[in-house]
Amino acid sequence: MNAKAAKTVLPAVAMTAVSMVLTLAVVLIWLGAAVPWPVALVVGLGIDGGWLATLAYERRLAAQGDHNRAVTAVGWSFGALATSVLVAHALTAEDSAGAWLAVAWLPIAAKALWLVHGLWERTALTPVALDAIRGIQQEARDEAAVARARLRAEASTEETRLTAVTEAGARVARVQAKTAETLSQAWSTLETARQGDGTNRALTCVTERVTPASQPMWKLPVWGPSESVPAIEAVPALTNAELDAIVADILHTEGSAMPYRELSARFRALGHSAGETRLRASFGRVVRKEPAA
């Protein structure tokens, strides 16, 4: 029997022994006046012996991992009988009735202690199993501690990252605000200079008028969405007949022979458009009075 088992079995053995002695003594005292003392002794030993026999049988069944309700009921019956004897003696005793009532519960208490010991035996584990359980619990505690440390480290890292991002964003915002303020001041200065009274006079001194009525002006560039410019419609190309007619008209208007270079210049000055090769071929046809193709 190990030390842990002794913690539950020794109190049960001691209380059982005390209960048996008290039961035997009460039977001798109570029945000794009515019957011979050997008879009273036999009655007391019978009660204690029956209780002890049923207790031993219960312990044997418990050691085998078995249980018998009938044996348990008989054991509790002997315990109740012993308690009843003690209570009856205490109630009939003329002196020290309270003291006898105080010890009348010992048989029931002894049976309860044996019940507790049986429960301990059914739930007891071997040292190997206990060591395995302690190892599992320690491993679980270690994993929980590592997980908590990892979460704290990740939280600290994330906090540091967010702080750095926030500070960088604040610096960018300050730079943008400062740049915007500088541009706004410069833009205001340019606008004031453009709308000033002496601006046109200063520009007049350094810029010639395009026409006598025109005034030199300058405008600030506009920041904003640009408007789309309509595409220039394509001018249809001139046919050979139309090209020959224009060239002949230019030559007849001058009334004299004209070199090709001067003809080309006059043709462009009139706003016409044609390829250099086609214009030269047309000039040759008109000069030779060839029909148009």
Protein backbone atom coordinates (compact mmCIF):
# COMPACT_ATOMS: atom_id res chain seq x y z
CA MET A 1 0.00 0.00 0.00
CA ASN A 2 1.46 3.35 -1.03
CA ALA A 3 1.36 6.56 0.97
CA LYS A 4 -1.55 8.04 -0.99
CA ALA A 5 -3.72 4.96 -0.34
CA ALA A 6 -2.83 5.07 3.35
CA LYS A 7 -4.28 8.60 3.55
CA THR A 8 -7.78 7.23 2.94
CA VAL A 9 -7.61 3.69 4.34
CA LEU A 10 -6.01 4.42 7.73
CA PRO A 11 -8.79 6.81 8.91
CA ALA A 12 -11.39 4.26 7.80
CA VAL A 13 -9.62 1.40 9.69
CA ALA A 14 -9.24 3.51 12.84
CA MET A 15 -12.87 4.66 12.86
CA THR A 16 -14.07 1.11 12.18
CA ALA A 17 -12.05 -0.22 15.12
CA VAL A 18 -13.37 2.49 17.44
CA SER A 19 -16.94 1.83 16.28
CA MET A 20 -16.59 -1.91 16.96
CA VAL A 21 -15.16 -1.32 20.44
CA LEU A 22 -17.95 1.15 21.29
CA THR A 23 -20.61 -1.22 19.95
CA LEU A 24 -19.23 -4.13 21.98
CA ALA A 25 -18.97 -1.99 25.11
CA VAL A 26 -22.53 -0.65 24.76
CA VAL A 27 -23.93 -4.15 24.22
CA LEU A 28 -22.13 -5.42 27.34
CA ILE A 29 -23.32 -2.41 29.39
CA TRP A 30 -26.85 -2.39 28.02
CA LEU A 31 -27.55 -6.14 28.01
CA GLY A 32 -25.26 -7.08 30.92
CA ALA A 33 -27.95 -6.24 33.46
CA ALA A 34 -30.59 -8.39 31.75
CA VAL A 35 -28.60 -11.40 30.51
CA PRO A 36 -25.31 -12.97 31.54
CA TRP A 37 -22.29 -11.10 30.26
CA PRO A 38 -21.12 -14.00 28.00
CA VAL A 39 -24.43 -13.72 26.12
CA ALA A 40 -24.03 -9.99 25.82
CA LEU A 41 -20.44 -10.53 24.63
CA VAL A 42 -21.62 -12.95 21.96
CA VAL A 43 -24.27 -10.45 20.79
CA GLY A 44 -21.72 -7.65 20.57
CA LEU A 45 -19.15 -9.83 18.81
CA GLY A 46 -21.87 -11.00 16.44
CA ILE A 47 -22.70 -7.47 15.42
CA ASP A 48 -19.04 -6.53 15.02
CA GLY A 49 -18.19 -9.83 13.33
CA GLY A 50 -20.97 -9.53 10.77
CA TRP A 51 -19.95 -5.97 10.04
CA LEU A 52 -16.28 -6.95 9.70
CA ALA A 53 -17.11 -9.97 7.49
CA THR A 54 -19.21 -7.94 5.06
CA LEU A 55 -16.52 -5.24 5.02
CA ALA A 56 -13.83 -7.80 4.17
CA TYR A 57 -15.97 -9.28 1.40
CA GLU A 58 -16.61 -5.82 -0.05
CA ARG A 59 -12.88 -5.12 -0.03
CA ARG A 60 -12.20 -8.40 -1.81
CA LEU A 61 -14.74 -7.60 -4.52
CA ALA A 62 -13.31 -4.08 -4.88
CA ALA A 63 -9.79 -5.53 -5.33
CA GLN A 64 -11.15 -7.67 -8.18
CA GLY A 65 -12.88 -4.69 -9.78
CA ASP A 66 -16.31 -6.06 -8.93
CA HIS A 67 -19.27 -4.87 -6.91
CA ASN A 68 -22.24 -6.63 -5.24
CA ARG A 69 -25.22 -4.57 -4.17
CA ALA A 70 -26.47 -7.25 -1.75
CA VAL A 71 -23.18 -7.35 0.14
CA THR A 72 -23.11 -3.55 0.24
CA ALA A 73 -26.67 -3.47 1.58
CA VAL A 74 -25.77 -6.01 4.31
CA GLY A 75 -22.73 -3.96 5.30
CA TRP A 76 -24.78 -0.79 5.59
CA SER A 77 -27.36 -2.74 7.61
CA PHE A 78 -24.73 -3.77 10.17
CA GLY A 79 -23.53 -0.17 10.33
CA ALA A 80 -27.06 1.08 10.86
CA LEU A 81 -27.61 -1.61 13.54
CA ALA A 82 -24.48 -0.56 15.42
CA THR A 83 -25.53 3.09 15.20
CA SER A 84 -29.00 2.20 16.46
CA VAL A 85 -27.53 0.38 19.46
CA LEU A 86 -25.41 3.39 20.35
CA VAL A 87 -28.31 5.81 19.92
CA ALA A 88 -30.67 3.63 21.98
CA HIS A 89 -28.12 3.34 24.77
CA ALA A 90 -27.57 7.11 24.75
CA LEU A 91 -31.31 7.77 24.97
CA THR A 92 -31.78 5.31 27.89
CA ALA A 93 -28.67 6.29 29.78
CA GLU A 94 -29.43 8.37 32.85
CA ASP A 95 -26.04 10.05 32.92
CA SER A 96 -23.73 11.24 30.08
CA ALA A 97 -26.43 10.82 27.42
CA GLY A 98 -24.94 13.64 25.38
CA ALA A 99 -21.51 11.99 25.28
CA TRP A 100 -22.98 8.73 23.98
CA LEU A 101 -24.97 10.59 21.34
CA ALA A 102 -21.79 12.35 20.27
CA VAL A 103 -20.14 9.03 19.39
CA ALA A 104 -23.24 7.32 18.01
CA TRP A 105 -22.45 8.45 14.45
CA LEU A 106 -19.07 6.66 14.31
CA PRO A 107 -20.32 3.42 12.61
CA ILE A 108 -22.01 5.37 9.79
CA ALA A 109 -18.94 7.57 9.48
CA ALA A 110 -16.71 4.49 9.22
CA LYS A 111 -18.86 3.12 6.37
CA ALA A 112 -18.68 6.51 4.63
CA LEU A 113 -14.86 6.51 4.92
CA TRP A 114 -14.71 3.04 3.36
CA LEU A 115 -16.92 4.37 0.54
CA VAL A 116 -14.51 7.26 -0.01
CA HIS A 117 -11.57 4.86 -0.08
CA GLY A 118 -13.32 2.69 -2.66
CA LEU A 119 -13.97 5.71 -4.86
CA TRP A 120 -10.31 6.67 -4.57
CA GLU A 121 -9.21 3.20 -5.62
CA ARG A 122 -11.48 3.24 -8.68
CA THR A 123 -10.12 6.60 -9.81
CA ALA A 124 -6.48 6.13 -8.81
CA LEU A 125 -3.87 6.24 -11.58
CA THR A 126 -0.42 4.72 -11.84
CA PRO A 127 2.66 6.94 -11.53
CA VAL A 128 3.35 6.43 -15.25
CA ALA A 129 -0.09 7.72 -16.17
CA LEU A 130 0.24 10.64 -13.78
CA ASP A 131 3.62 11.54 -15.29
CA ALA A 132 2.11 11.37 -18.78
CA ILE A 133 -0.75 13.65 -17.71
CA ARG A 134 1.65 16.12 -16.14
CA GLY A 135 3.74 16.07 -19.33
CA ILE A 136 0.68 16.75 -21.49
CA GLN A 137 -0.43 19.59 -19.22
CA GLN A 138 3.06 21.10 -19.23
CA GLU A 139 3.24 20.85 -23.03
CA ALA A 140 -0.12 22.57 -23.32
CA ARG A 141 1.03 25.34 -20.98
CA ASP A 142 4.24 25.75 -23.01
CA GLU A 143 2.33 25.98 -26.29
CA ALA A 144 -0.07 28.51 -24.80
CA ALA A 145 2.83 30.62 -23.51
CA VAL A 146 4.57 30.51 -26.92
CA ALA A 147 1.32 31.46 -28.67
CA ARG A 148 0.80 34.40 -26.31
CA ALA A 149 4.38 35.57 -26.87
CA ARG A 150 3.96 35.28 -30.64
CA LEU A 151 0.73 37.28 -30.57
CA ARG A 152 2.33 39.98 -28.43
CA ALA A 153 5.32 40.17 -30.79
CA GLU A 154 3.08 40.38 -33.87
CA ALA A 155 0.98 43.05 -32.21
CA SER A 156 4.10 45.06 -31.35
CA THR A 157 5.43 44.69 -34.89
CA GLU A 158 2.12 45.77 -36.40
CA GLU A 159 1.98 48.75 -34.06
CA THR A 160 5.50 49.79 -35.08
CA ARG A 161 4.64 49.41 -38.78
CA LEU A 162 1.46 51.44 -38.44
CA THR A 163 3.34 54.14 -36.55
CA ALA A 164 5.99 54.33 -39.27
CA VAL A 165 3.37 54.45 -42.04
CA THR A 166 1.42 57.15 -40.19
CA GLU A 167 4.54 59.27 -39.67
CA ALA A 168 5.54 58.88 -43.34
CA GLY A 169 2.03 59.84 -44.43
CA ALA A 170 2.13 62.86 -42.17
CA ARG A 171 5.47 63.95 -43.66
CA VAL A 172 4.12 63.56 -47.21
CA ALA A 173 1.03 65.54 -46.28
CA ARG A 174 3.14 68.33 -44.80
CA VAL A 175 5.33 68.48 -47.92
CA GLN A 176 2.28 68.55 -50.18
CA ALA A 177 0.66 71.25 -48.10
CA LYS A 178 3.85 73.32 -48.18
CA THR A 179 4.21 72.84 -51.94
CA ALA A 180 0.59 73.77 -52.52
CA GLU A 181 1.01 76.88 -50.42
CA THR A 182 4.13 77.89 -52.37
CA LEU A 183 2.40 77.33 -55.71
CA SER A 184 -0.62 79.27 -54.51
CA GLN A 185 1.55 82.21 -53.52
CA ALA A 186 3.41 82.13 -56.84
CA TRP A 187 0.15 81.87 -58.76
CA SER A 188 -1.29 84.79 -56.82
CA THR A 189 1.80 86.86 -57.58
CA LEU A 190 1.55 86.07 -61.31
CA GLU A 191 -2.18 86.86 -61.36
CA THR A 192 -1.55 90.19 -59.59
CA ALA A 193 1.17 91.04 -62.07
CA ARG A 194 -1.05 90.13 -65.05
CA GLN A 195 -3.93 92.25 -63.85
CA GLY A 196 -1.74 95.19 -62.77
CA ASP A 197 -2.03 98.62 -64.42
CA GLY A 198 1.60 98.72 -65.54
CA THR A 199 1.66 95.30 -67.16
CA ASN A 200 0.31 96.39 -70.56
CA ARG A 201 2.61 99.43 -70.63
CA ALA A 202 5.60 97.24 -69.86
CA LEU A 203 4.64 94.76 -72.58
CA THR A 204 4.08 97.60 -75.03
CA CYS A 205 7.65 98.72 -74.51
CA VAL A 206 9.11 95.35 -75.48
CA THR A 207 6.43 93.98 -77.90
CA GLU A 208 5.36 95.41 -81.23
CA ARG A 209 1.69 95.73 -82.10
CA VAL A 210 0.38 93.35 -84.72
CA THR A 211 -2.18 95.91 -85.77
CA PRO A 212 -2.55 99.54 -84.78
CA ALA A 213 -5.56 98.69 -82.58
CA SER A 214 -4.13 95.59 -80.95
CA GLN A 215 -2.78 95.62 -77.42
CA PRO A 216 -0.11 93.18 -76.21
CA MET A 217 -1.67 90.69 -73.76
CA TRP A 218 -0.44 87.59 -71.98
CA LYS A 219 -2.43 85.01 -70.07
CA LEU A 220 -1.64 82.48 -67.41
CA PRO A 221 -1.94 78.80 -68.29
CA VAL A 222 -5.16 77.20 -67.15
CA TRP A 223 -5.06 74.22 -64.81
CA GLY A 224 -7.96 71.90 -65.45
CA PRO A 225 -9.49 69.57 -67.98
CA SER A 226 -8.71 70.47 -71.58
CA GLU A 227 -11.41 70.81 -74.20
CA SER A 228 -11.21 68.62 -77.26
CA VAL A 229 -10.38 70.44 -80.53
CA PRO A 230 -12.51 69.46 -83.52
CA ALA A 231 -10.57 67.59 -86.12
CA ILE A 232 -9.73 69.41 -89.37
CA GLU A 233 -11.87 68.10 -92.15
CA ALA A 234 -9.85 66.51 -94.95
CA VAL A 235 -9.86 68.49 -98.22
CA PRO A 236 -10.64 66.24 -101.21
CA ALA A 237 -7.74 65.85 -103.62
CA LEU A 238 -7.96 67.70 -106.97
CA THR A 239 -8.45 65.68 -110.10
CA ASN A 240 -6.04 66.01 -113.04
CA ALA A 241 -8.62 68.05 -114.98
CA GLU A 242 -9.17 70.45 -112.08
CA LEU A 243 -5.45 70.74 -111.50
CA ASP A 244 -4.82 71.48 -115.21
CA ALA A 245 -7.56 74.12 -115.20
CA ILE A 246 -6.05 75.92 -112.19
CA VAL A 247 -2.54 75.82 -113.71
CA ALA A 248 -3.85 77.10 -117.11
CA ASP A 249 -5.76 79.89 -115.39
CA ILE A 250 -2.61 80.99 -113.53
CA LEU A 251 -0.56 80.93 -116.75
CA HIS A 252 -3.21 82.79 -118.80
CA THR A 253 -3.67 85.41 -116.06
CA GLU A 254 0.01 86.37 -116.19
CA GLY A 255 -0.03 86.49 -120.00
CA SER A 256 3.59 85.46 -120.31
CA ALA A 257 5.76 82.43 -119.96
CA MET A 258 6.23 81.48 -116.29
CA PRO A 259 8.78 79.10 -114.86
CA TYR A 260 7.57 76.19 -112.80
CA ARG A 261 9.02 77.56 -109.54
CA GLU A 262 6.97 80.77 -109.78
CA LEU A 263 3.90 78.81 -110.80
CA SER A 264 4.24 76.56 -107.77
CA ALA A 265 4.57 79.57 -105.46
CA ARG A 266 1.46 81.25 -106.92
CA PHE A 267 -0.42 77.91 -106.73
CA ARG A 268 0.36 77.58 -103.02
CA ALA A 269 -0.41 81.25 -102.39
CA LEU A 270 -3.92 80.78 -103.78
CA GLY A 271 -4.55 78.13 -101.14
CA HIS A 272 -4.50 75.09 -103.37
CA SER A 273 -2.88 71.84 -102.35
CA ALA A 274 -1.35 69.17 -104.56
CA GLY A 275 1.66 66.93 -104.63
CA GLU A 276 4.83 68.27 -106.23
CA THR A 277 4.93 65.44 -108.77
CA ARG A 278 1.30 65.95 -109.86
CA LEU A 279 1.73 69.73 -110.05
CA ARG A 280 4.86 69.41 -112.23
CA ALA A 281 3.08 66.93 -114.55
CA SER A 282 0.10 69.25 -114.86
CA PHE A 283 2.42 72.15 -115.68
CA GLY A 284 4.00 70.10 -118.46
CA ARG A 285 0.64 69.11 -119.95
CA VAL A 286 -0.67 72.68 -119.96
CA VAL A 287 2.54 74.03 -121.49
CA ARG A 288 2.48 71.36 -124.22
CA LYS A 289 -1.32 71.72 -124.49
CA GLU A 290 -1.81 68.01 -123.83
CA PRO A 291 -5.30 66.75 -122.94
CA ALA A 292 -5.95 65.76 -119.33
CA ALA A 293 -5.95 61.98 -118.52
